[in-house]
């Protein structure tokens, strides 16, 4: 069974300074990750960075679907104004 802390720790191993929120429903997960490393990356490279942390879990079917919201700290400050 997929656990939130397990996935969070996997992501933090690859993106140590990230602020990570994980929601799980079966083998589908929703991620919100805020990390300064994303500032130098386009959206595809951001996703690839996260997928690299979960690659083996996706390959073996433990994780079937991933929905990601990826932000830099500045982007998150702007985005959360619209989410409240």
C-alpha atoms as a PDB file:
ATOM      1  CA  UNK A   1       0.000   0.000   0.000  1.00  0.00           C
ATOM      2  CA  UNK A   2       1.290   3.411  -0.982  1.00  0.00           C
ATOM      3  CA  UNK A   3       1.877   5.766   1.953  1.00  0.00           C
ATOM      4  CA  UNK A   4       2.113   9.544   1.997  1.00  0.00           C
ATOM      5  CA  UNK A   5       5.308   9.738   4.063  1.00  0.00           C
ATOM      6  CA  UNK A   6       7.013   7.162   1.858  1.00  0.00           C
ATOM      7  CA  UNK A   7       6.327   9.177  -1.298  1.00  0.00           C
ATOM      8  CA  UNK A   8       7.204  12.438   0.415  1.00  0.00           C
ATOM      9  CA  UNK A   9      10.553  11.030   1.547  1.00  0.00           C
ATOM     10  CA  UNK A  10      11.295   9.725  -1.965  1.00  0.00           C
ATOM     11  CA  UNK A  11      10.752  13.194  -3.387  1.00  0.00           C
ATOM     12  CA  UNK A  12      12.764  14.868  -0.632  1.00  0.00           C
ATOM     13  CA  UNK A  13      15.659  12.486  -1.340  1.00  0.00           C
ATOM     14  CA  UNK A  14      15.862  13.909  -4.867  1.00  0.00           C
ATOM     15  CA  UNK A  15      14.780  17.483  -4.110  1.00  0.00           C
ATOM     16  CA  UNK A  16      16.010  18.036  -0.539  1.00  0.00           C
ATOM     17  CA  UNK A  17      14.858  21.611   0.053  1.00  0.00           C
ATOM     18  CA  UNK A  18      11.336  21.067  -1.304  1.00  0.00           C
ATOM     19  CA  UNK A  19       8.077  21.683   0.487  1.00  0.00           C
ATOM     20  CA  UNK A  20       6.084  18.587  -0.503  1.00  0.00           C
ATOM     21  CA  UNK A  21       2.378  17.842  -0.110  1.00  0.00           C
ATOM     22  CA  UNK A  22       1.113  14.403  -1.145  1.00  0.00           C
ATOM     23  CA  UNK A  23      -2.429  13.077  -1.475  1.00  0.00           C
ATOM     24  CA  UNK A  24      -3.038   9.455  -2.414  1.00  0.00           C
ATOM     25  CA  UNK A  25      -6.085   7.637  -3.731  1.00  0.00           C
ATOM     26  CA  UNK A  26      -5.245   3.996  -4.460  1.00  0.00           C
ATOM     27  CA  UNK A  27      -2.232   4.073  -6.766  1.00  0.00           C
ATOM     28  CA  UNK A  28      -2.931   7.627  -7.964  1.00  0.00           C
ATOM     29  CA  UNK A  29      -1.183  10.531  -6.317  1.00  0.00           C
ATOM     30  CA  UNK A  30      -1.526  14.286  -6.290  1.00  0.00           C
ATOM     31  CA  UNK A  31       1.663  16.239  -5.588  1.00  0.00           C
ATOM     32  CA  UNK A  32       2.236  19.873  -4.740  1.00  0.00           C
ATOM     33  CA  UNK A  33       5.938  20.646  -4.645  1.00  0.00           C
ATOM     34  CA  UNK A  34       7.480  24.024  -3.968  1.00  0.00           C
ATOM     35  CA  UNK A  35      11.221  24.191  -4.607  1.00  0.00           C
ATOM     36  CA  UNK A  36      13.703  26.862  -5.558  1.00  0.00           C
ATOM     37  CA  UNK A  37      15.451  24.399  -7.916  1.00  0.00           C
ATOM     38  CA  UNK A  38      12.454  24.776 -10.240  1.00  0.00           C
ATOM     39  CA  UNK A  39      13.395  28.409 -10.966  1.00  0.00           C
ATOM     40  CA  UNK A  40      15.951  27.361 -13.568  1.00  0.00           C
ATOM     41  CA  UNK A  41      13.770  24.650 -15.144  1.00  0.00           C
ATOM     42  CA  UNK A  42      10.947  24.751 -17.672  1.00  0.00           C
ATOM     43  CA  UNK A  43       7.754  22.820 -16.913  1.00  0.00           C
ATOM     44  CA  UNK A  44       8.914  19.639 -18.685  1.00  0.00           C
ATOM     45  CA  UNK A  45      12.246  19.579 -16.825  1.00  0.00           C
ATOM     46  CA  UNK A  46      10.406  20.169 -13.529  1.00  0.00           C
ATOM     47  CA  UNK A  47       8.218  17.136 -14.179  1.00  0.00           C
ATOM     48  CA  UNK A  48      11.210  15.048 -15.221  1.00  0.00           C
ATOM     49  CA  UNK A  49      12.936  15.980 -11.958  1.00  0.00           C
ATOM     50  CA  UNK A  50       9.976  14.673  -9.971  1.00  0.00           C
ATOM     51  CA  UNK A  51       9.511  11.582 -12.145  1.00  0.00           C
ATOM     52  CA  UNK A  52      13.162  10.690 -11.542  1.00  0.00           C
ATOM     53  CA  UNK A  53      12.355  10.418  -7.824  1.00  0.00           C
ATOM     54  CA  UNK A  54       9.460   8.028  -8.522  1.00  0.00           C
ATOM     55  CA  UNK A  55      10.708   6.189 -11.605  1.00  0.00           C
ATOM     56  CA  UNK A  56      10.919   2.695 -10.107  1.00  0.00           C
ATOM     57  CA  UNK A  57       7.515   3.052  -8.410  1.00  0.00           C
ATOM     58  CA  UNK A  58       5.931   4.020 -11.709  1.00  0.00           C
ATOM     59  CA  UNK A  59       7.736   1.232 -13.583  1.00  0.00           C
ATOM     60  CA  UNK A  60       6.522  -1.478 -11.207  1.00  0.00           C
ATOM     61  CA  UNK A  61       2.949  -0.115 -11.084  1.00  0.00           C
ATOM     62  CA  UNK A  62       3.032   0.968  -7.436  1.00  0.00           C
ATOM     63  CA  UNK A  63       2.240   4.448  -8.711  1.00  0.00           C
ATOM     64  CA  UNK A  64      -0.078   4.457 -11.705  1.00  0.00           C
ATOM     65  CA  UNK A  65      -0.909   8.132 -12.143  1.00  0.00           C
ATOM     66  CA  UNK A  66       0.709  11.313 -10.888  1.00  0.00           C
ATOM     67  CA  UNK A  67      -0.801  14.777 -10.978  1.00  0.00           C
ATOM     68  CA  UNK A  68       1.762  17.478 -10.202  1.00  0.00           C
ATOM     69  CA  UNK A  69       1.552  21.118  -9.253  1.00  0.00           C
ATOM     70  CA  UNK A  70       5.124  22.395  -9.252  1.00  0.00           C
ATOM     71  CA  UNK A  71       6.104  25.871  -8.109  1.00  0.00           C
ATOM     72  CA  UNK A  72       9.065  28.002  -7.173  1.00  0.00           C
ATOM     73  CA  UNK A  73       8.557  29.791  -3.834  1.00  0.00           C
ATOM     74  CA  UNK A  74       7.734  33.035  -5.698  1.00  0.00           C
ATOM     75  CA  UNK A  75       5.285  31.265  -8.012  1.00  0.00           C
ATOM     76  CA  UNK A  76       3.587  29.666  -5.020  1.00  0.00           C
ATOM     77  CA  UNK A  77       3.187  33.059  -3.314  1.00  0.00           C
ATOM     78  CA  UNK A  78       1.377  34.287  -6.433  1.00  0.00           C
ATOM     79  CA  UNK A  79      -0.643  31.098  -7.034  1.00  0.00           C
ATOM     80  CA  UNK A  80      -1.967  30.760  -3.501  1.00  0.00           C
ATOM     81  CA  UNK A  81      -3.599  34.199  -3.776  1.00  0.00           C
ATOM     82  CA  UNK A  82      -5.869  32.708  -6.439  1.00  0.00           C
ATOM     83  CA  UNK A  83      -6.486  29.445  -4.578  1.00  0.00           C
ATOM     84  CA  UNK A  84      -7.851  31.011  -1.411  1.00  0.00           C
END
